[in-house]
């Protein structure tokens, strides 16, 4: 089961940047083993907010990632919502750190050059290939290039790890290959759509909560939030690294529910959440 929110032609009004998304309604987080979170009264609060298997997450790390969320929403977030988002950012940073650690333990290396290429691609999407302009923007809103690059490293590390672990179990039959080729031949000359997605996986017991989170994301996007930013921070699909951009695709390549919804969209229009099997 999954919840998805597609949008035709990703074209946010302003510069895009990674943004956070709703956690549960109470704003609480579950803490994995090997993680220590320091309370507000801890004397080391300014130096370390969390310790993840020896790796430190500082208050600055949290502040810079939170700054991206606030910028994506033009600062129009209540103090209560800001505190809830801070908890979500911390949860994301913990997950990100664990993913990087797991990839490293599996001898998966993400080269700095690969991170720089992805960073430049984000700049191309939002600042017309001007990396310096994006650097300045991040500094202006209270974040930094290092914060965004760390997020990119986490995403790439996790994608690489999943690919290594899942690929050995994938077996594509010759019949399936022929079916895909036949479909591509049939689709020649048909219309293509530029679509973005925010994908949230939902287990049966968490389906309602995920659906509520998806609706909250859609509401915030309709109020002017950056689609690219929310996709980068919250989507669980591999397209999160490029702001949810699926590129130019034919509707036959999409699940039926998404194809039906996308067919009726106008450029810049948002739709969702949509429940799709998977």
Protein backbone atom coordinates (compact mmCIF):
# COMPACT_ATOMS: atom_id res chain seq x y z
CA UNK A 1 0.00 0.00 0.00
CA UNK A 2 1.33 3.44 -0.83
CA UNK A 3 0.26 7.04 -0.88
CA UNK A 4 1.50 9.22 -3.73
CA UNK A 5 1.03 12.85 -4.73
CA UNK A 6 1.91 13.53 -8.39
CA UNK A 7 2.19 16.99 -9.90
CA UNK A 8 2.46 17.83 -13.59
CA UNK A 9 5.41 20.09 -14.41
CA UNK A 10 7.42 20.84 -11.28
CA UNK A 11 7.69 24.61 -11.30
CA UNK A 12 7.70 26.14 -7.78
CA UNK A 13 7.44 29.89 -7.58
CA UNK A 14 10.73 30.41 -5.75
CA UNK A 15 14.05 28.68 -5.12
CA UNK A 16 13.60 25.13 -3.93
CA UNK A 17 15.38 23.49 -1.07
CA UNK A 18 14.95 20.37 1.06
CA UNK A 19 12.03 20.69 3.41
CA UNK A 20 10.60 18.63 6.18
CA UNK A 21 7.25 16.99 6.44
CA UNK A 22 4.83 16.06 9.16
CA UNK A 23 5.65 13.44 11.70
CA UNK A 24 2.95 11.88 13.84
CA UNK A 25 0.29 14.05 15.39
CA UNK A 26 1.96 14.05 18.81
CA UNK A 27 5.35 15.09 17.43
CA UNK A 28 7.13 12.19 19.15
CA UNK A 29 9.90 10.04 17.75
CA UNK A 30 11.01 6.49 18.47
CA UNK A 31 14.68 6.12 19.30
CA UNK A 32 16.69 3.26 17.76
CA UNK A 33 19.25 1.35 19.78
CA UNK A 34 22.67 2.98 19.95
CA UNK A 35 21.21 6.50 19.90
CA UNK A 36 21.45 8.98 22.77
CA UNK A 37 19.47 12.23 22.72
CA UNK A 38 20.50 15.00 25.10
CA UNK A 39 17.73 16.92 26.83
CA UNK A 40 17.32 20.67 26.95
CA UNK A 41 19.04 20.88 30.32
CA UNK A 42 22.09 18.93 29.23
CA UNK A 43 25.25 21.06 29.55
CA UNK A 44 26.48 19.75 26.18
CA UNK A 45 23.33 20.82 24.34
CA UNK A 46 25.21 23.33 22.19
CA UNK A 47 27.78 20.76 21.19
CA UNK A 48 25.67 17.65 20.70
CA UNK A 49 21.94 17.07 20.33
CA UNK A 50 22.22 13.34 19.64
CA UNK A 51 24.89 10.66 19.58
CA UNK A 52 24.36 7.88 17.02
CA UNK A 53 26.78 5.00 17.50
CA UNK A 54 29.54 7.49 18.21
CA UNK A 55 28.60 10.00 15.48
CA UNK A 56 27.45 13.37 16.78
CA UNK A 57 24.42 15.30 15.54
CA UNK A 58 24.83 18.87 16.70
CA UNK A 59 22.28 21.56 17.38
CA UNK A 60 23.70 23.36 14.35
CA UNK A 61 22.92 20.33 12.17
CA UNK A 62 19.30 20.46 13.33
CA UNK A 63 19.05 24.25 12.97
CA UNK A 64 20.44 24.28 9.43
CA UNK A 65 18.10 21.53 8.26
CA UNK A 66 15.15 23.20 9.98
CA UNK A 67 16.08 26.48 8.27
CA UNK A 68 15.42 24.80 4.92
CA UNK A 69 11.92 23.89 6.02
CA UNK A 70 11.17 27.40 7.25
CA UNK A 71 12.48 28.90 4.00
CA UNK A 72 10.30 26.56 1.93
CA UNK A 73 7.27 27.83 3.86
CA UNK A 74 8.30 31.51 3.85
CA UNK A 75 8.65 31.34 7.63
CA UNK A 76 4.87 30.98 8.04
CA UNK A 77 5.06 28.28 10.71
CA UNK A 78 3.75 28.57 14.26
CA UNK A 79 6.02 28.02 17.25
CA UNK A 80 4.16 24.80 18.05
CA UNK A 81 4.58 23.52 14.50
CA UNK A 82 8.22 24.59 14.50
CA UNK A 83 8.93 22.51 17.60
CA UNK A 84 7.20 19.50 16.05
CA UNK A 85 9.22 19.94 12.87
CA UNK A 86 12.42 20.20 14.92
CA UNK A 87 11.67 16.76 16.34
CA UNK A 88 11.03 15.42 12.83
CA UNK A 89 14.29 16.93 11.58
CA UNK A 90 16.17 15.25 14.42
CA UNK A 91 14.49 11.95 13.56
CA UNK A 92 15.48 12.40 9.91
CA UNK A 93 19.08 13.18 10.84
CA UNK A 94 19.25 10.10 13.06
CA UNK A 95 17.90 7.92 10.23
CA UNK A 96 20.29 9.58 7.80
CA UNK A 97 23.26 8.89 10.07
CA UNK A 98 22.25 5.26 10.52
CA UNK A 99 21.92 4.86 6.75
CA UNK A 100 25.39 6.30 6.13
CA UNK A 101 26.83 4.07 8.84
CA UNK A 102 25.15 0.96 7.43
CA UNK A 103 26.42 1.71 3.93
CA UNK A 104 29.94 2.26 5.25
CA UNK A 105 29.79 -1.04 7.15
CA UNK A 106 28.86 -2.72 3.85
CA UNK A 107 31.91 -1.16 2.14
CA UNK A 108 29.74 1.17 0.06
CA UNK A 109 31.55 4.41 -0.73
CA UNK A 110 29.90 7.55 -2.08
CA UNK A 111 32.56 9.69 -3.70
CA UNK A 112 32.57 13.44 -3.09
CA UNK A 113 32.42 13.98 -6.85
CA UNK A 114 29.14 12.09 -7.06
CA UNK A 115 27.67 14.23 -4.29
CA UNK A 116 28.87 17.39 -6.05
CA UNK A 117 27.20 16.25 -9.28
CA UNK A 118 23.87 15.73 -7.53
CA UNK A 119 24.26 19.07 -5.76
CA UNK A 120 24.92 20.75 -9.12
CA UNK A 121 21.82 19.06 -10.56
CA UNK A 122 19.71 20.55 -7.76
CA UNK A 123 21.24 23.95 -8.56
CA UNK A 124 20.38 23.43 -12.22
CA UNK A 125 16.75 22.69 -11.34
CA UNK A 126 16.36 25.72 -9.11
CA UNK A 127 19.05 28.28 -9.96
CA UNK A 128 19.72 27.77 -13.68
CA UNK A 129 22.98 25.87 -13.11
CA UNK A 130 24.32 28.59 -10.81
CA UNK A 131 25.84 26.69 -7.88
CA UNK A 132 27.18 29.90 -6.36
CA UNK A 133 23.65 31.33 -6.28
CA UNK A 134 22.40 28.27 -4.43
CA UNK A 135 25.32 28.47 -1.99
CA UNK A 136 24.39 32.09 -1.25
CA UNK A 137 20.71 31.22 -0.89
CA UNK A 138 21.43 28.46 1.62
CA UNK A 139 23.62 30.78 3.69
CA UNK A 140 20.99 33.53 3.53
CA UNK A 141 18.23 31.32 4.94
CA UNK A 142 20.44 30.01 7.75
CA UNK A 143 21.50 26.70 6.24
CA UNK A 144 24.65 25.65 4.36
CA UNK A 145 25.86 23.65 1.34
CA UNK A 146 27.35 21.12 3.78
CA UNK A 147 23.90 20.43 5.25
CA UNK A 148 22.36 19.73 1.85
CA UNK A 149 25.34 17.64 0.73
CA UNK A 150 25.07 15.53 3.87
CA UNK A 151 21.45 14.82 3.03
CA UNK A 152 22.47 13.86 -0.50
CA UNK A 153 25.13 11.51 0.89
CA UNK A 154 22.52 9.82 3.07
CA UNK A 155 20.11 9.38 0.16
CA UNK A 156 22.75 7.99 -2.19
CA UNK A 157 24.17 5.68 0.47
CA UNK A 158 20.76 4.20 1.21
CA UNK A 159 19.84 3.80 -2.46
CA UNK A 160 23.13 2.02 -3.13
CA UNK A 161 22.68 -0.26 -0.13
CA UNK A 162 19.11 -1.19 -1.10
CA UNK A 163 20.19 -1.88 -4.66
CA UNK A 164 22.92 -4.24 -3.48
CA UNK A 165 20.65 -6.09 -1.06
CA UNK A 166 17.59 -6.35 -3.30
CA UNK A 167 19.10 -6.88 -6.75
CA UNK A 168 20.21 -10.52 -6.15
CA UNK A 169 16.57 -11.46 -5.51
CA UNK A 170 15.18 -9.87 -8.68
CA UNK A 171 14.50 -12.23 -11.56
CA UNK A 172 13.02 -10.76 -14.74
CA UNK A 173 11.69 -13.34 -17.17
CA UNK A 174 12.16 -13.13 -20.93
CA UNK A 175 8.39 -12.81 -21.28
CA UNK A 176 8.37 -9.72 -19.05
CA UNK A 177 11.15 -8.15 -21.12
CA UNK A 178 9.20 -8.78 -24.33
CA UNK A 179 6.09 -7.27 -22.76
CA UNK A 180 7.94 -4.07 -21.85
CA UNK A 181 9.44 -3.78 -25.34
CA UNK A 182 6.03 -4.32 -26.94
CA UNK A 183 4.50 -1.65 -24.72
CA UNK A 184 7.24 0.81 -25.65
CA UNK A 185 6.69 0.15 -29.34
CA UNK A 186 2.95 0.67 -28.89
CA UNK A 187 3.51 3.95 -27.05
CA UNK A 188 5.67 5.52 -29.75
CA UNK A 189 4.29 8.88 -30.77
CA UNK A 190 2.01 9.20 -27.73
CA UNK A 191 2.07 12.18 -25.38
CA UNK A 192 4.64 12.42 -22.62
CA UNK A 193 4.12 14.13 -19.27
CA UNK A 194 6.60 15.77 -16.91
CA UNK A 195 5.51 14.50 -13.50
CA UNK A 196 6.81 14.75 -9.96
CA UNK A 197 5.96 12.42 -7.10
CA UNK A 198 6.04 12.35 -3.32
CA UNK A 199 5.81 8.70 -2.34
CA UNK A 200 4.98 7.52 1.17
CA UNK A 201 5.01 3.80 1.94
CA UNK A 202 2.20 2.65 4.22
CA UNK A 203 1.98 -0.63 6.08
CA UNK A 204 -1.58 -1.79 6.92
CA UNK A 205 -1.34 -0.71 10.56
CA UNK A 206 0.08 2.72 9.68
CA UNK A 207 -2.08 3.39 6.63
CA UNK A 208 -4.36 5.98 8.25
CA UNK A 209 -1.50 7.91 9.84
CA UNK A 210 0.44 7.99 6.57
CA UNK A 211 -2.67 9.15 4.73
CA UNK A 212 -3.13 11.99 7.23
CA UNK A 213 0.52 12.98 6.83
CA UNK A 214 0.10 12.94 3.04
CA UNK A 215 -2.94 15.21 3.26
CA UNK A 216 -1.01 17.60 5.48
CA UNK A 217 1.81 17.74 2.94
CA UNK A 218 -0.66 18.45 0.12
CA UNK A 219 -2.28 21.22 2.18
CA UNK A 220 1.10 22.85 2.82
CA UNK A 221 2.02 22.61 -0.86
CA UNK A 222 -1.27 24.27 -1.82
CA UNK A 223 -0.38 27.09 0.57
CA UNK A 224 2.82 27.75 -1.37
CA UNK A 225 5.28 25.15 -0.10
CA UNK A 226 7.95 23.93 -2.51
CA UNK A 227 7.11 20.59 -4.14
CA UNK A 228 10.77 19.87 -4.87
CA UNK A 229 11.69 20.69 -1.28
CA UNK A 230 9.07 18.44 0.27
CA UNK A 231 9.89 15.60 -2.13
CA UNK A 232 13.58 15.77 -1.26
CA UNK A 233 12.92 15.67 2.47
CA UNK A 234 9.97 13.32 2.80
CA UNK A 235 9.47 11.14 -0.28
CA UNK A 236 10.55 7.53 0.16
CA UNK A 237 11.04 6.93 -3.56
CA UNK A 238 14.46 7.00 -5.22
CA UNK A 239 13.34 10.18 -7.02
CA UNK A 240 13.62 12.07 -3.71
CA UNK A 241 17.26 12.86 -4.57
CA UNK A 242 16.09 14.91 -7.59
CA UNK A 243 13.09 16.56 -5.95
CA UNK A 244 10.59 13.88 -6.96
CA UNK A 245 11.12 14.45 -10.68
CA UNK A 246 10.08 11.41 -12.76
CA UNK A 247 11.17 13.14 -15.95
CA UNK A 248 9.19 12.89 -19.18
CA UNK A 249 7.16 9.69 -19.15
CA UNK A 250 4.15 8.13 -20.85
CA UNK A 251 1.08 7.47 -18.75
CA UNK A 252 1.27 3.77 -19.58
CA UNK A 253 4.43 3.65 -17.45
CA UNK A 254 2.47 4.67 -14.35
CA UNK A 255 0.19 2.61 -12.11
CA UNK A 256 -3.41 2.88 -13.27
CA UNK A 257 -4.51 5.15 -10.40
CA UNK A 258 -1.74 7.67 -11.09
CA UNK A 259 -2.21 7.52 -14.85
CA UNK A 260 -5.92 8.34 -14.50
CA UNK A 261 -5.25 11.28 -12.18
CA UNK A 262 -2.34 12.61 -14.25
CA UNK A 263 -4.33 12.57 -17.47
CA UNK A 264 -6.63 15.28 -16.10
CA UNK A 265 -3.88 17.54 -14.74
CA UNK A 266 -2.95 20.96 -16.06
CA UNK A 267 0.67 22.23 -15.90
CA UNK A 268 1.54 23.21 -12.34
CA UNK A 269 -1.53 21.50 -10.87
CA UNK A 270 -1.29 19.31 -7.76
CA UNK A 271 -3.36 16.22 -6.99
CA UNK A 272 -3.40 13.75 -4.13
CA UNK A 273 -3.01 11.91 -1.98
CA UNK A 274 -3.68 8.89 -4.18
CA UNK A 275 -3.63 5.35 -2.84
CA UNK A 276 -1.85 2.87 -5.08
CA UNK A 277 -1.07 -0.82 -4.55
CA UNK A 278 2.52 -1.75 -3.91
